[in-house]
Amino acid sequence: MRIGRTSYTAEGELMMPRALDVKLATNVASDVTLDVGYYHLVRLSASNARELGALRQRFINTLATAPTGSVLKVRDYEVRMDSFHTVNVELIYVVEPPVSERRTMTPQDYLMDSLTQYQR
């Protein structure tokens, strides 16, 4: 699932996605998308560690096809309820656009973009 557009500092460093954007991305997809210029969030779930390993490998292989894809954050967790058990991983990743198309932001631009995006 796309979280939001990529943002860069004036020095050209990639910024992390806004925490609010990540929190609002509640309907997390389990399929990997490679839309250029966006942060993405994906949740992989399996019944055991072996299956999760296979899903991770498929994710890595898919992300490797993007020329500028990278993982920003990984969160592993388990769900146990009586006999129900799953192992999960949530990944925040980015597929960066070419340097000429990157959107640089000052801290003021970043704040204003945050304020205007959610005034709907």
PDB file of N, CA and C in Angstrom:
ATOM      1  N   MET A   1       0.838  -1.173   0.000  1.00  0.00           N
ATOM      2  CA  MET A   1       0.000   0.000   0.000  1.00  0.00           C
ATOM      3  C   MET A   1       0.888   1.242   0.000  1.00  0.00           C
ATOM      4  N   ARG A   2       0.521   2.208  -0.795  1.00  0.00           N
ATOM      5  CA  ARG A   2       1.272   3.461  -0.810  1.00  0.00           C
ATOM      6  C   ARG A   2       0.952   4.262   0.444  1.00  0.00           C
ATOM      7  N   ILE A   3       1.995   4.780   1.091  1.00  0.00           N
ATOM      8  CA  ILE A   3       1.820   5.611   2.285  1.00  0.00           C
ATOM      9  C   ILE A   3       1.771   7.078   1.892  1.00  0.00           C
ATOM     10  N   GLY A   4       2.732   7.511   1.110  1.00  0.00           N
ATOM     11  CA  GLY A   4       2.808   8.907   0.703  1.00  0.00           C
ATOM     12  C   GLY A   4       3.964   9.113  -0.261  1.00  0.00           C
ATOM     13  N   ARG A   5       4.055  10.329  -0.771  1.00  0.00           N
ATOM     14  CA  ARG A   5       5.143  10.656  -1.709  1.00  0.00           C
ATOM     15  C   ARG A   5       6.465  10.782  -0.975  1.00  0.00           C
ATOM     16  N   THR A   6       7.536  10.467  -1.678  1.00  0.00           N
ATOM     17  CA  THR A   6       8.860  10.582  -1.079  1.00  0.00           C
ATOM     18  C   THR A   6       9.235  12.050  -0.915  1.00  0.00           C
ATOM     19  N   SER A   7      10.002  12.331   0.131  1.00  0.00           N
ATOM     20  CA  SER A   7      10.475  13.686   0.417  1.00  0.00           C
ATOM     21  C   SER A   7      11.962  13.638   0.718  1.00  0.00           C
ATOM     22  N   TYR A   8      12.656  14.710   0.342  1.00  0.00           N
ATOM     23  CA  TYR A   8      14.101  14.781   0.521  1.00  0.00           C
ATOM     24  C   TYR A   8      14.472  16.096   1.187  1.00  0.00           C
ATOM     25  N   THR A   9      15.576  16.083   1.946  1.00  0.00           N
ATOM     26  CA  THR A   9      16.081  17.311   2.548  1.00  0.00           C
ATOM     27  C   THR A   9      16.747  18.142   1.458  1.00  0.00           C
ATOM     28  N   ALA A  10      17.133  19.366   1.810  1.00  0.00           N
ATOM     29  CA  ALA A  10      17.808  20.237   0.845  1.00  0.00           C
ATOM     30  C   ALA A  10      19.137  19.638   0.394  1.00  0.00           C
ATOM     31  N   GLU A  11      19.734  18.793   1.239  1.00  0.00           N
ATOM     32  CA  GLU A  11      20.999  18.141   0.893  1.00  0.00           C
ATOM     33  C   GLU A  11      20.788  16.903   0.026  1.00  0.00           C
ATOM     34  N   GLY A  12      19.532  16.532  -0.232  1.00  0.00           N
ATOM     35  CA  GLY A  12      19.232  15.395  -1.082  1.00  0.00           C
ATOM     36  C   GLY A  12      19.074  14.075  -0.344  1.00  0.00           C
ATOM     37  N   GLU A  13      19.013  14.114   0.996  1.00  0.00           N
ATOM     38  CA  GLU A  13      18.831  12.881   1.768  1.00  0.00           C
ATOM     39  C   GLU A  13      17.356  12.525   1.868  1.00  0.00           C
ATOM     40  N   LEU A  14      17.062  11.252   1.751  1.00  0.00           N
ATOM     41  CA  LEU A  14      15.689  10.765   1.850  1.00  0.00           C
ATOM     42  C   LEU A  14      15.187  10.929   3.280  1.00  0.00           C
ATOM     43  N   MET A  15      13.983  11.480   3.419  1.00  0.00           N
ATOM     44  CA  MET A  15      13.368  11.631   4.731  1.00  0.00           C
ATOM     45  C   MET A  15      12.488  10.407   4.989  1.00  0.00           C
ATOM     46  N   MET A  16      12.262  10.089   6.257  1.00  0.00           N
ATOM     47  CA  MET A  16      11.349   9.001   6.613  1.00  0.00           C
ATOM     48  C   MET A  16       9.922   9.480   6.365  1.00  0.00           C
ATOM     49  N   PRO A  17       8.991   8.556   6.124  1.00  0.00           N
ATOM     50  CA  PRO A  17       7.600   8.993   5.964  1.00  0.00           C
ATOM     51  C   PRO A  17       7.066   9.546   7.282  1.00  0.00           C
ATOM     52  N   ARG A  18       6.084  10.421   7.177  1.00  0.00           N
ATOM     53  CA  ARG A  18       5.486  11.000   8.384  1.00  0.00           C
ATOM     54  C   ARG A  18       4.800   9.901   9.197  1.00  0.00           C
ATOM     55  N   ALA A  19       4.916   9.998  10.506  1.00  0.00           N
ATOM     56  CA  ALA A  19       4.300   8.998  11.388  1.00  0.00           C
ATOM     57  C   ALA A  19       2.791   8.958  11.190  1.00  0.00           C
ATOM     58  N   LEU A  20       2.178  10.103  10.942  1.00  0.00           N
ATOM     59  CA  LEU A  20       0.735  10.149  10.724  1.00  0.00           C
ATOM     60  C   LEU A  20       0.340   9.383   9.471  1.00  0.00           C
ATOM     61  N   ASP A  21       1.126   9.516   8.412  1.00  0.00           N
ATOM     62  CA  ASP A  21       0.843   8.776   7.178  1.00  0.00           C
ATOM     63  C   ASP A  21       0.894   7.271   7.421  1.00  0.00           C
ATOM     64  N   VAL A  22       1.870   6.834   8.211  1.00  0.00           N
ATOM     65  CA  VAL A  22       2.002   5.407   8.498  1.00  0.00           C
ATOM     66  C   VAL A  22       0.820   4.931   9.331  1.00  0.00           C
ATOM     67  N   LYS A  23       0.411   5.712  10.318  1.00  0.00           N
ATOM     68  CA  LYS A  23      -0.721   5.331  11.169  1.00  0.00           C
ATOM     69  C   LYS A  23      -2.023   5.272  10.378  1.00  0.00           C
ATOM     70  N   LEU A  24      -2.196   6.170   9.426  1.00  0.00           N
ATOM     71  CA  LEU A  24      -3.422   6.183   8.630  1.00  0.00           C
ATOM     72  C   LEU A  24      -3.475   5.052   7.611  1.00  0.00           C
ATOM     73  N   ALA A  25      -2.364   4.420   7.361  1.00  0.00           N
ATOM     74  CA  ALA A  25      -2.320   3.302   6.409  1.00  0.00           C
ATOM     75  C   ALA A  25      -2.738   2.020   7.126  1.00  0.00           C
ATOM     76  N   THR A  26      -3.990   1.972   7.564  1.00  0.00           N
ATOM     77  CA  THR A  26      -4.457   0.833   8.353  1.00  0.00           C
ATOM     78  C   THR A  26      -4.809  -0.366   7.491  1.00  0.00           C
ATOM     79  N   ASN A  27      -5.239  -0.148   6.278  1.00  0.00           N
ATOM     80  CA  ASN A  27      -5.595  -1.248   5.383  1.00  0.00           C
ATOM     81  C   ASN A  27      -4.332  -1.682   4.639  1.00  0.00           C
ATOM     82  N   VAL A  28      -3.487  -2.429   5.326  1.00  0.00           N
ATOM     83  CA  VAL A  28      -2.180  -2.786   4.794  1.00  0.00           C
ATOM     84  C   VAL A  28      -2.308  -3.938   3.806  1.00  0.00           C
ATOM     85  N   ALA A  29      -1.736  -3.746   2.656  1.00  0.00           N
ATOM     86  CA  ALA A  29      -1.783  -4.774   1.615  1.00  0.00           C
ATOM     87  C   ALA A  29      -0.736  -5.843   1.866  1.00  0.00           C
ATOM     88  N   SER A  30      -0.963  -7.013   1.313  1.00  0.00           N
ATOM     89  CA  SER A  30       0.025  -8.079   1.422  1.00  0.00           C
ATOM     90  C   SER A  30       0.765  -8.283   0.107  1.00  0.00           C
ATOM     91  N   ASP A  31       0.457  -7.462  -0.888  1.00  0.00           N
ATOM     92  CA  ASP A  31       1.166  -7.562  -2.162  1.00  0.00           C
ATOM     93  C   ASP A  31       2.107  -6.378  -2.315  1.00  0.00           C
ATOM     94  N   VAL A  32       3.207  -6.620  -2.963  1.00  0.00           N
ATOM     95  CA  VAL A  32       4.260  -5.618  -3.119  1.00  0.00           C
ATOM     96  C   VAL A  32       3.987  -4.802  -4.377  1.00  0.00           C
ATOM     97  N   THR A  33       3.957  -3.474  -4.211  1.00  0.00           N
ATOM     98  CA  THR A  33       3.807  -2.588  -5.366  1.00  0.00           C
ATOM     99  C   THR A  33       5.099  -1.803  -5.546  1.00  0.00           C
ATOM    100  N   LEU A  34       5.395  -1.433  -6.759  1.00  0.00           N
ATOM    101  CA  LEU A  34       6.645  -0.735  -7.055  1.00  0.00           C
ATOM    102  C   LEU A  34       6.391   0.623  -7.695  1.00  0.00           C
ATOM    103  N   ASP A  35       5.437   1.374  -7.152  1.00  0.00           N
ATOM    104  CA  ASP A  35       5.159   2.709  -7.671  1.00  0.00           C
ATOM    105  C   ASP A  35       6.324   3.633  -7.324  1.00  0.00           C
ATOM    106  N   VAL A  36       6.926   4.223  -8.337  1.00  0.00           N
ATOM    107  CA  VAL A  36       8.112   5.065  -8.159  1.00  0.00           C
ATOM    108  C   VAL A  36       7.717   6.390  -7.513  1.00  0.00           C
ATOM    109  N   GLY A  37       8.514   6.818  -6.531  1.00  0.00           N
ATOM    110  CA  GLY A  37       8.300   8.101  -5.883  1.00  0.00           C
ATOM    111  C   GLY A  37       7.389   8.033  -4.672  1.00  0.00           C
ATOM    112  N   TYR A  38       7.176   6.857  -4.116  1.00  0.00           N
ATOM    113  CA  TYR A  38       6.285   6.691  -2.970  1.00  0.00           C
ATOM    114  C   TYR A  38       6.917   5.802  -1.898  1.00  0.00           C
ATOM    115  N   TYR A  39       6.504   6.074  -0.654  1.00  0.00           N
ATOM    116  CA  TYR A  39       6.772   5.147   0.443  1.00  0.00           C
ATOM    117  C   TYR A  39       5.670   4.094   0.394  1.00  0.00           C
ATOM    118  N   HIS A  40       6.000   2.871   0.767  1.00  0.00           N
ATOM    119  CA  HIS A  40       5.041   1.772   0.742  1.00  0.00           C
ATOM    120  C   HIS A  40       5.063   1.030   2.071  1.00  0.00           C
ATOM    121  N   LEU A  41       3.938   0.423   2.417  1.00  0.00           N
ATOM    122  CA  LEU A  41       3.830  -0.407   3.610  1.00  0.00           C
ATOM    123  C   LEU A  41       3.224  -1.738   3.205  1.00  0.00           C
ATOM    124  N   VAL A  42       3.855  -2.831   3.608  1.00  0.00           N
ATOM    125  CA  VAL A  42       3.337  -4.167   3.300  1.00  0.00           C
ATOM    126  C   VAL A  42       3.451  -5.024   4.557  1.00  0.00           C
ATOM    127  N   ARG A  43       2.459  -5.892   4.748  1.00  0.00           N
ATOM    128  CA  ARG A  43       2.471  -6.833   5.869  1.00  0.00           C
ATOM    129  C   ARG A  43       2.468  -8.248   5.303  1.00  0.00           C
ATOM    130  N   LEU A  44       3.456  -9.033   5.715  1.00  0.00           N
ATOM    131  CA  LEU A  44       3.554 -10.421   5.300  1.00  0.00           C
ATOM    132  C   LEU A  44       3.214 -11.298   6.500  1.00  0.00           C
ATOM    133  N   SER A  45       2.313 -12.258   6.324  1.00  0.00           N
ATOM    134  CA  SER A  45       1.880 -13.151   7.411  1.00  0.00           C
ATOM    135  C   SER A  45       1.983 -14.593   6.964  1.00  0.00           C
ATOM    136  N   ALA A  46       2.377 -15.454   7.902  1.00  0.00           N
ATOM    137  CA  ALA A  46       2.474 -16.887   7.620  1.00  0.00           C
ATOM    138  C   ALA A  46       2.218 -17.662   8.912  1.00  0.00           C
ATOM    139  N   SER A  47       1.996 -18.951   8.759  1.00  0.00           N
ATOM    140  CA  SER A  47       1.708 -19.767   9.941  1.00  0.00           C
ATOM    141  C   SER A  47       2.972 -20.233  10.653  1.00  0.00           C
ATOM    142  N   ASN A  48       4.127 -20.152   9.968  1.00  0.00           N
ATOM    143  CA  ASN A  48       5.382 -20.522  10.632  1.00  0.00           C
ATOM    144  C   ASN A  48       6.540 -19.734  10.025  1.00  0.00           C
ATOM    145  N   ALA A  49       7.689 -19.837  10.678  1.00  0.00           N
ATOM    146  CA  ALA A  49       8.858 -19.057  10.258  1.00  0.00           C
ATOM    147  C   ALA A  49       9.353 -19.456   8.876  1.00  0.00           C
ATOM    148  N   ARG A  50       9.221 -20.702   8.516  1.00  0.00           N
ATOM    149  CA  ARG A  50       9.679 -21.162   7.205  1.00  0.00           C
ATOM    150  C   ARG A  50       8.877 -20.506   6.079  1.00  0.00           C
ATOM    151  N   GLU A  51       7.553 -20.478   6.231  1.00  0.00           N
ATOM    152  CA  GLU A  51       6.710 -19.836   5.227  1.00  0.00           C
ATOM    153  C   GLU A  51       6.988 -18.334   5.156  1.00  0.00           C
ATOM    154  N   LEU A  52       7.199 -17.717   6.327  1.00  0.00           N
ATOM    155  CA  LEU A  52       7.502 -16.289   6.342  1.00  0.00           C
ATOM    156  C   LEU A  52       8.833 -16.014   5.642  1.00  0.00           C
ATOM    157  N   GLY A  53       9.796 -16.915   5.812  1.00  0.00           N
ATOM    158  CA  GLY A  53      11.071 -16.778   5.115  1.00  0.00           C
ATOM    159  C   GLY A  53      10.901 -16.795   3.609  1.00  0.00           C
ATOM    160  N   ALA A  54      10.013 -17.660   3.127  1.00  0.00           N
ATOM    161  CA  ALA A  54       9.741 -17.727   1.685  1.00  0.00           C
ATOM    162  C   ALA A  54       9.071 -16.438   1.207  1.00  0.00           C
ATOM    163  N   LEU A  55       8.142 -15.898   2.009  1.00  0.00           N
ATOM    164  CA  LEU A  55       7.485 -14.636   1.641  1.00  0.00           C
ATOM    165  C   LEU A  55       8.482 -13.483   1.631  1.00  0.00           C
ATOM    166  N   ARG A  56       9.377 -13.461   2.613  1.00  0.00           N
ATOM    167  CA  ARG A  56      10.417 -12.415   2.639  1.00  0.00           C
ATOM    168  C   ARG A  56      11.304 -12.497   1.406  1.00  0.00           C
ATOM    169  N   GLN A  57      11.695 -13.718   1.033  1.00  0.00           N
ATOM    170  CA  GLN A  57      12.552 -13.883  -0.139  1.00  0.00           C
ATOM    171  C   GLN A  57      11.845 -13.408  -1.404  1.00  0.00           C
ATOM    172  N   ARG A  58      10.555 -13.708  -1.519  1.00  0.00           N
ATOM    173  CA  ARG A  58       9.790 -13.232  -2.679  1.00  0.00           C
ATOM    174  C   ARG A  58       9.721 -11.704  -2.677  1.00  0.00           C
ATOM    175  N   PHE A  59       9.542 -11.097  -1.483  1.00  0.00           N
ATOM    176  CA  PHE A  59       9.547  -9.635  -1.376  1.00  0.00           C
ATOM    177  C   PHE A  59      10.895  -9.067  -1.824  1.00  0.00           C
ATOM    178  N   ILE A  60      11.979  -9.657  -1.342  1.00  0.00           N
ATOM    179  CA  ILE A  60      13.333  -9.180  -1.699  1.00  0.00           C
ATOM    180  C   ILE A  60      13.552  -9.291  -3.201  1.00  0.00           C
ATOM    181  N   ASN A  61      13.139 -10.396  -3.789  1.00  0.00           N
ATOM    182  CA  ASN A  61      13.302 -10.582  -5.239  1.00  0.00           C
ATOM    183  C   ASN A  61      12.497  -9.554  -6.023  1.00  0.00           C
ATOM    184  N   THR A  62      11.281  -9.257  -5.562  1.00  0.00           N
ATOM    185  CA  THR A  62      10.446  -8.264  -6.244  1.00  0.00           C
ATOM    186  C   THR A  62      11.047  -6.875  -6.110  1.00  0.00           C
ATOM    187  N   LEU A  63      11.481  -6.512  -4.900  1.00  0.00           N
ATOM    188  CA  LEU A  63      12.060  -5.185  -4.683  1.00  0.00           C
ATOM    189  C   LEU A  63      13.369  -5.016  -5.450  1.00  0.00           C
ATOM    190  N   ALA A  64      14.081  -6.102  -5.663  1.00  0.00           N
ATOM    191  CA  ALA A  64      15.345  -6.041  -6.414  1.00  0.00           C
ATOM    192  C   ALA A  64      15.130  -5.672  -7.872  1.00  0.00           C
ATOM    193  N   THR A  65      13.914  -5.841  -8.384  1.00  0.00           N
ATOM    194  CA  THR A  65      13.644  -5.470  -9.780  1.00  0.00           C
ATOM    195  C   THR A  65      13.516  -3.960  -9.950  1.00  0.00           C
ATOM    196  N   ALA A  66      13.265  -3.238  -8.849  1.00  0.00           N
ATOM    197  CA  ALA A  66      13.197  -1.768  -8.917  1.00  0.00           C
ATOM    198  C   ALA A  66      14.621  -1.227  -8.862  1.00  0.00           C
ATOM    199  N   PRO A  67      14.958  -0.275  -9.733  1.00  0.00           N
ATOM    200  CA  PRO A  67      16.339   0.217  -9.763  1.00  0.00           C
ATOM    201  C   PRO A  67      16.762   0.938  -8.483  1.00  0.00           C
ATOM    202  N   THR A  68      15.818   1.538  -7.768  1.00  0.00           N
ATOM    203  CA  THR A  68      16.178   2.297  -6.568  1.00  0.00           C
ATOM    204  C   THR A  68      15.287   1.943  -5.383  1.00  0.00           C
ATOM    205  N   GLY A  69      15.002   0.690  -5.179  1.00  0.00           N
ATOM    206  CA  GLY A  69      14.165   0.270  -4.065  1.00  0.00           C
ATOM    207  C   GLY A  69      14.997  -0.041  -2.838  1.00  0.00           C
ATOM    208  N   SER A  70      14.508   0.330  -1.658  1.00  0.00           N
ATOM    209  CA  SER A  70      15.199  -0.002  -0.412  1.00  0.00           C
ATOM    210  C   SER A  70      14.199  -0.076   0.736  1.00  0.00           C
ATOM    211  N   VAL A  71      14.550  -0.865   1.738  1.00  0.00           N
ATOM    212  CA  VAL A  71      13.710  -1.038   2.916  1.00  0.00           C
ATOM    213  C   VAL A  71      14.137  -0.025   3.968  1.00  0.00           C
ATOM    214  N   LEU A  72      13.156   0.675   4.551  1.00  0.00           N
ATOM    215  CA  LEU A  72      13.438   1.682   5.562  1.00  0.00           C
ATOM    216  C   LEU A  72      13.239   1.174   6.982  1.00  0.00           C
ATOM    217  N   LYS A  73      12.239   0.326   7.189  1.00  0.00           N
ATOM    218  CA  LYS A  73      11.935  -0.145   8.536  1.00  0.00           C
ATOM    219  C   LYS A  73      11.304  -1.530   8.477  1.00  0.00           C
ATOM    220  N   VAL A  74      11.689  -2.388   9.428  1.00  0.00           N
ATOM    221  CA  VAL A  74      11.164  -3.749   9.518  1.00  0.00           C
ATOM    222  C   VAL A  74      10.647  -3.959  10.940  1.00  0.00           C
ATOM    223  N   ARG A  75       9.443  -4.511  11.048  1.00  0.00           N
ATOM    224  CA  ARG A  75       8.875  -4.820  12.372  1.00  0.00           C
ATOM    225  C   ARG A  75       8.358  -6.251  12.344  1.00  0.00           C
ATOM    226  N   ASP A  76       9.034  -7.137  13.099  1.00  0.00           N
ATOM    227  CA  ASP A  76       8.611  -8.531  13.235  1.00  0.00           C
ATOM    228  C   ASP A  76       7.708  -8.658  14.453  1.00  0.00           C
ATOM    229  N   TYR A  77       6.669  -9.476  14.349  1.00  0.00           N
ATOM    230  CA  TYR A  77       5.808  -9.736  15.496  1.00  0.00           C
ATOM    231  C   TYR A  77       5.044 -11.038  15.297  1.00  0.00           C
ATOM    232  N   GLU A  78       4.535 -11.573  16.406  1.00  0.00           N
ATOM    233  CA  GLU A  78       3.759 -12.805  16.380  1.00  0.00           C
ATOM    234  C   GLU A  78       2.389 -12.547  16.977  1.00  0.00           C
ATOM    235  N   VAL A  79       1.415 -13.329  16.526  1.00  0.00           N
ATOM    236  CA  VAL A  79       0.066 -13.280  17.083  1.00  0.00           C
ATOM    237  C   VAL A  79      -0.254 -14.684  17.580  1.00  0.00           C
ATOM    238  N   ARG A  80      -0.599 -14.783  18.872  1.00  0.00           N
ATOM    239  CA  ARG A  80      -0.970 -16.073  19.480  1.00  0.00           C
ATOM    240  C   ARG A  80      -2.293 -15.912  20.212  1.00  0.00           C
ATOM    241  N   MET A  81      -3.257 -16.732  19.819  1.00  0.00           N
ATOM    242  CA  MET A  81      -4.556 -16.765  20.499  1.00  0.00           C
ATOM    243  C   MET A  81      -5.016 -18.216  20.499  1.00  0.00           C
ATOM    244  N   ASP A  82      -4.966 -18.839  21.664  1.00  0.00           N
ATOM    245  CA  ASP A  82      -5.306 -20.255  21.810  1.00  0.00           C
ATOM    246  C   ASP A  82      -4.493 -21.085  20.817  1.00  0.00           C
ATOM    247  N   SER A  83      -5.142 -21.753  19.888  1.00  0.00           N
ATOM    248  CA  SER A  83      -4.405 -22.577  18.930  1.00  0.00           C
ATOM    249  C   SER A  83      -4.020 -21.807  17.664  1.00  0.00           C
ATOM    250  N   PHE A  84      -4.459 -20.559  17.558  1.00  0.00           N
ATOM    251  CA  PHE A  84      -4.137 -19.729  16.384  1.00  0.00           C
ATOM    252  C   PHE A  84      -2.776 -19.074  16.588  1.00  0.00           C
ATOM    253  N   HIS A  85      -1.907 -19.213  15.602  1.00  0.00           N
ATOM    254  CA  HIS A  85      -0.568 -18.630  15.698  1.00  0.00           C
ATOM    255  C   HIS A  85      -0.109 -18.181  14.316  1.00  0.00           C
ATOM    256  N   THR A  86       0.337 -16.940  14.218  1.00  0.00           N
ATOM    257  CA  THR A  86       0.936 -16.457  12.970  1.00  0.00           C
ATOM    258  C   THR A  86       2.214 -15.698  13.289  1.00  0.00           C
ATOM    259  N   VAL A  87       3.132 -15.736  12.358  1.00  0.00           N
ATOM    260  CA  VAL A  87       4.333 -14.913  12.414  1.00  0.00           C
ATOM    261  C   VAL A  87       4.194 -13.882  11.303  1.00  0.00           C
ATOM    262  N   ASN A  88       4.555 -12.650  11.617  1.00  0.00           N
ATOM    263  CA  ASN A  88       4.307 -11.547  10.695  1.00  0.00           C
ATOM    264  C   ASN A  88       5.510 -10.627  10.613  1.00  0.00           C
ATOM    265  N   VAL A  89       5.554  -9.892   9.537  1.00  0.00           N
ATOM    266  CA  VAL A  89       6.539  -8.825   9.395  1.00  0.00           C
ATOM    267  C   VAL A  89       5.871  -7.674   8.651  1.00  0.00           C
ATOM    268  N   GLU A  90       6.101  -6.462   9.150  1.00  0.00           N
ATOM    269  CA  GLU A  90       5.639  -5.245   8.485  1.00  0.00           C
ATOM    270  C   GLU A  90       6.861  -4.529   7.950  1.00  0.00           C
ATOM    271  N   LEU A  91       6.802  -4.150   6.701  1.00  0.00           N
ATOM    272  CA  LEU A  91       7.942  -3.507   6.043  1.00  0.00           C
ATOM    273  C   LEU A  91       7.524  -2.154   5.477  1.00  0.00           C
ATOM    274  N   ILE A  92       8.303  -1.145   5.787  1.00  0.00           N
ATOM    275  CA  ILE A  92       8.147   0.148   5.122  1.00  0.00           C
ATOM    276  C   ILE A  92       9.314   0.245   4.143  1.00  0.00           C
ATOM    277  N   TYR A  93       8.976   0.411   2.880  1.00  0.00           N
ATOM    278  CA  TYR A  93      10.013   0.488   1.861  1.00  0.00           C
ATOM    279  C   TYR A  93       9.712   1.639   0.911  1.00  0.00           C
ATOM    280  N   VAL A  94      10.702   1.970   0.110  1.00  0.00           N
ATOM    281  CA  VAL A  94      10.580   3.097  -0.811  1.00  0.00           C
ATOM    282  C   VAL A  94      11.141   2.698  -2.166  1.00  0.00           C
ATOM    283  N   VAL A  95      10.515   3.233  -3.201  1.00  0.00           N
ATOM    284  CA  VAL A  95      11.058   3.131  -4.557  1.00  0.00           C
ATOM    285  C   VAL A  95      11.301   4.575  -4.985  1.00  0.00           C
ATOM    286  N   GLU A  96      12.573   4.946  -5.001  1.00  0.00           N
ATOM    287  CA  GLU A  96      12.928   6.347  -5.241  1.00  0.00           C
ATOM    288  C   GLU A  96      12.866   6.718  -6.721  1.00  0.00           C
ATOM    289  N   PRO A  97      12.457   7.969  -6.988  1.00  0.00           N
ATOM    290  CA  PRO A  97      12.449   8.445  -8.379  1.00  0.00           C
ATOM    291  C   PRO A  97      13.864   8.845  -8.803  1.00  0.00           C
ATOM    292  N   PRO A  98      14.060   9.110 -10.087  1.00  0.00           N
ATOM    293  CA  PRO A  98      15.359   9.623 -10.531  1.00  0.00           C
ATOM    294  C   PRO A  98      15.686  10.938  -9.822  1.00  0.00           C
ATOM    295  N   VAL A  99      16.961  11.252  -9.716  1.00  0.00           N
ATOM    296  CA  VAL A  99      17.409  12.440  -8.975  1.00  0.00           C
ATOM    297  C   VAL A  99      16.734  13.708  -9.490  1.00  0.00           C
ATOM    298  N   SER A 100      16.525  13.821 -10.779  1.00  0.00           N
ATOM    299  CA  SER A 100      15.933  15.037 -11.353  1.00  0.00           C
ATOM    300  C   SER A 100      14.479  15.231 -10.937  1.00  0.00           C
ATOM    301  N   GLU A 101      13.799  14.171 -10.513  1.00  0.00           N
ATOM    302  CA  GLU A 101      12.385  14.263 -10.149  1.00  0.00           C
ATOM    303  C   GLU A 101      12.144  14.276  -8.643  1.00  0.00           C
ATOM    304  N   ARG A 102      13.202  14.322  -7.844  1.00  0.00           N
ATOM    305  CA  ARG A 102      13.045  14.264  -6.392  1.00  0.00           C
ATOM    306  C   ARG A 102      12.551  15.592  -5.835  1.00  0.00           C
ATOM    307  N   ARG A 103      11.659  15.499  -4.884  1.00  0.00           N
ATOM    308  CA  ARG A 103      11.008  16.664  -4.271  1.00  0.00           C
ATOM    309  C   ARG A 103      11.730  17.016  -2.968  1.00  0.00           C
ATOM    310  N   THR A 104      12.430  18.138  -2.945  1.00  0.00           N
ATOM    311  CA  THR A 104      13.117  18.569  -1.723  1.00  0.00           C
ATOM    312  C   THR A 104      12.179  19.433  -0.889  1.00  0.00           C
ATOM    313  N   MET A 105      12.333  19.325   0.419  1.00  0.00           N
ATOM    314  CA  MET A 105      11.455  20.061   1.326  1.00  0.00           C
ATOM    315  C   MET A 105      12.269  20.652   2.473  1.00  0.00           C
ATOM    316  N   THR A 106      11.943  21.872   2.820  1.00  0.00           N
ATOM    317  CA  THR A 106      12.474  22.466   4.036  1.00  0.00           C
ATOM    318  C   THR A 106      11.591  21.997   5.189  1.00  0.00           C
ATOM    319  N   PRO A 107      12.017  22.164   6.434  1.00  0.00           N
ATOM    320  CA  PRO A 107      11.143  21.781   7.552  1.00  0.00           C
ATOM    321  C   PRO A 107       9.788  22.497   7.510  1.00  0.00           C
ATOM    322  N   GLN A 108       9.756  23.738   7.048  1.00  0.00           N
ATOM    323  CA  GLN A 108       8.497  24.480   6.947  1.00  0.00           C
ATOM    324  C   GLN A 108       7.588  23.866   5.882  1.00  0.00           C
ATOM    325  N   ASP A 109       8.165  23.496   4.738  1.00  0.00           N
ATOM    326  CA  ASP A 109       7.390  22.845   3.677  1.00  0.00           C
ATOM    327  C   ASP A 109       6.816  21.522   4.173  1.00  0.00           C
ATOM    328  N   TYR A 110       7.627  20.784   4.909  1.00  0.00           N
ATOM    329  CA  TYR A 110       7.216  19.488   5.447  1.00  0.00           C
ATOM    330  C   TYR A 110       6.012  19.654   6.374  1.00  0.00           C
ATOM    331  N   LEU A 111       6.067  20.661   7.248  1.00  0.00           N
ATOM    332  CA  LEU A 111       4.969  20.923   8.178  1.00  0.00           C
ATOM    333  C   LEU A 111       3.715  21.363   7.425  1.00  0.00           C
ATOM    334  N   MET A 112       3.860  22.285   6.484  1.00  0.00           N
ATOM    335  CA  MET A 112       2.698  22.762   5.724  1.00  0.00           C
ATOM    336  C   MET A 112       2.076  21.645   4.888  1.00  0.00           C
ATOM    337  N   ASP A 113       2.898  20.788   4.322  1.00  0.00           N
ATOM    338  CA  ASP A 113       2.390  19.664   3.548  1.00  0.00           C
ATOM    339  C   ASP A 113       1.583  18.733   4.456  1.00  0.00           C
ATOM    340  N   SER A 114       2.066  18.525   5.673  1.00  0.00           N
ATOM    341  CA  SER A 114       1.345  17.688   6.640  1.00  0.00           C
ATOM    342  C   SER A 114       0.000  18.301   6.987  1.00  0.00           C
ATOM    343  N   LEU A 115      -0.033  19.614   7.189  1.00  0.00           N
ATOM    344  CA  LEU A 115      -1.269  20.271   7.585  1.00  0.00           C
ATOM    345  C   LEU A 115      -2.304  20.289   6.466  1.00  0.00           C
ATOM    346  N   THR A 116      -1.856  20.569   5.256  1.00  0.00           N
ATOM    347  CA  THR A 116      -2.800  20.684   4.141  1.00  0.00           C
ATOM    348  C   THR A 116      -3.292  19.328   3.639  1.00  0.00           C
ATOM    349  N   GLN A 117      -2.488  18.283   3.825  1.00  0.00           N
ATOM    350  CA  GLN A 117      -2.876  16.974   3.309  1.00  0.00           C
ATOM    351  C   GLN A 117      -4.104  16.414   4.024  1.00  0.00           C
ATOM    352  N   TYR A 118      -4.280  16.734   5.287  1.00  0.00           N
ATOM    353  CA  TYR A 118      -5.371  16.138   6.062  1.00  0.00           C
ATOM    354  C   TYR A 118      -6.504  17.102   6.354  1.00  0.00           C
ATOM    355  N   GLN A 119      -6.588  18.203   5.617  1.00  0.00           N
ATOM    356  CA  GLN A 119      -7.693  19.150   5.794  1.00  0.00           C
ATOM    357  C   GLN A 119      -8.792  18.858   4.786  1.00  0.00           C
ATOM    358  N   ARG A 120      -9.292  17.651   4.786  1.00  0.00           N
ATOM    359  CA  ARG A 120     -10.340  17.265   3.827  1.00  0.00           C
ATOM    360  C   ARG A 120     -11.626  17.021   4.521  1.00  0.00           C
TER     361      ARG A 120
END
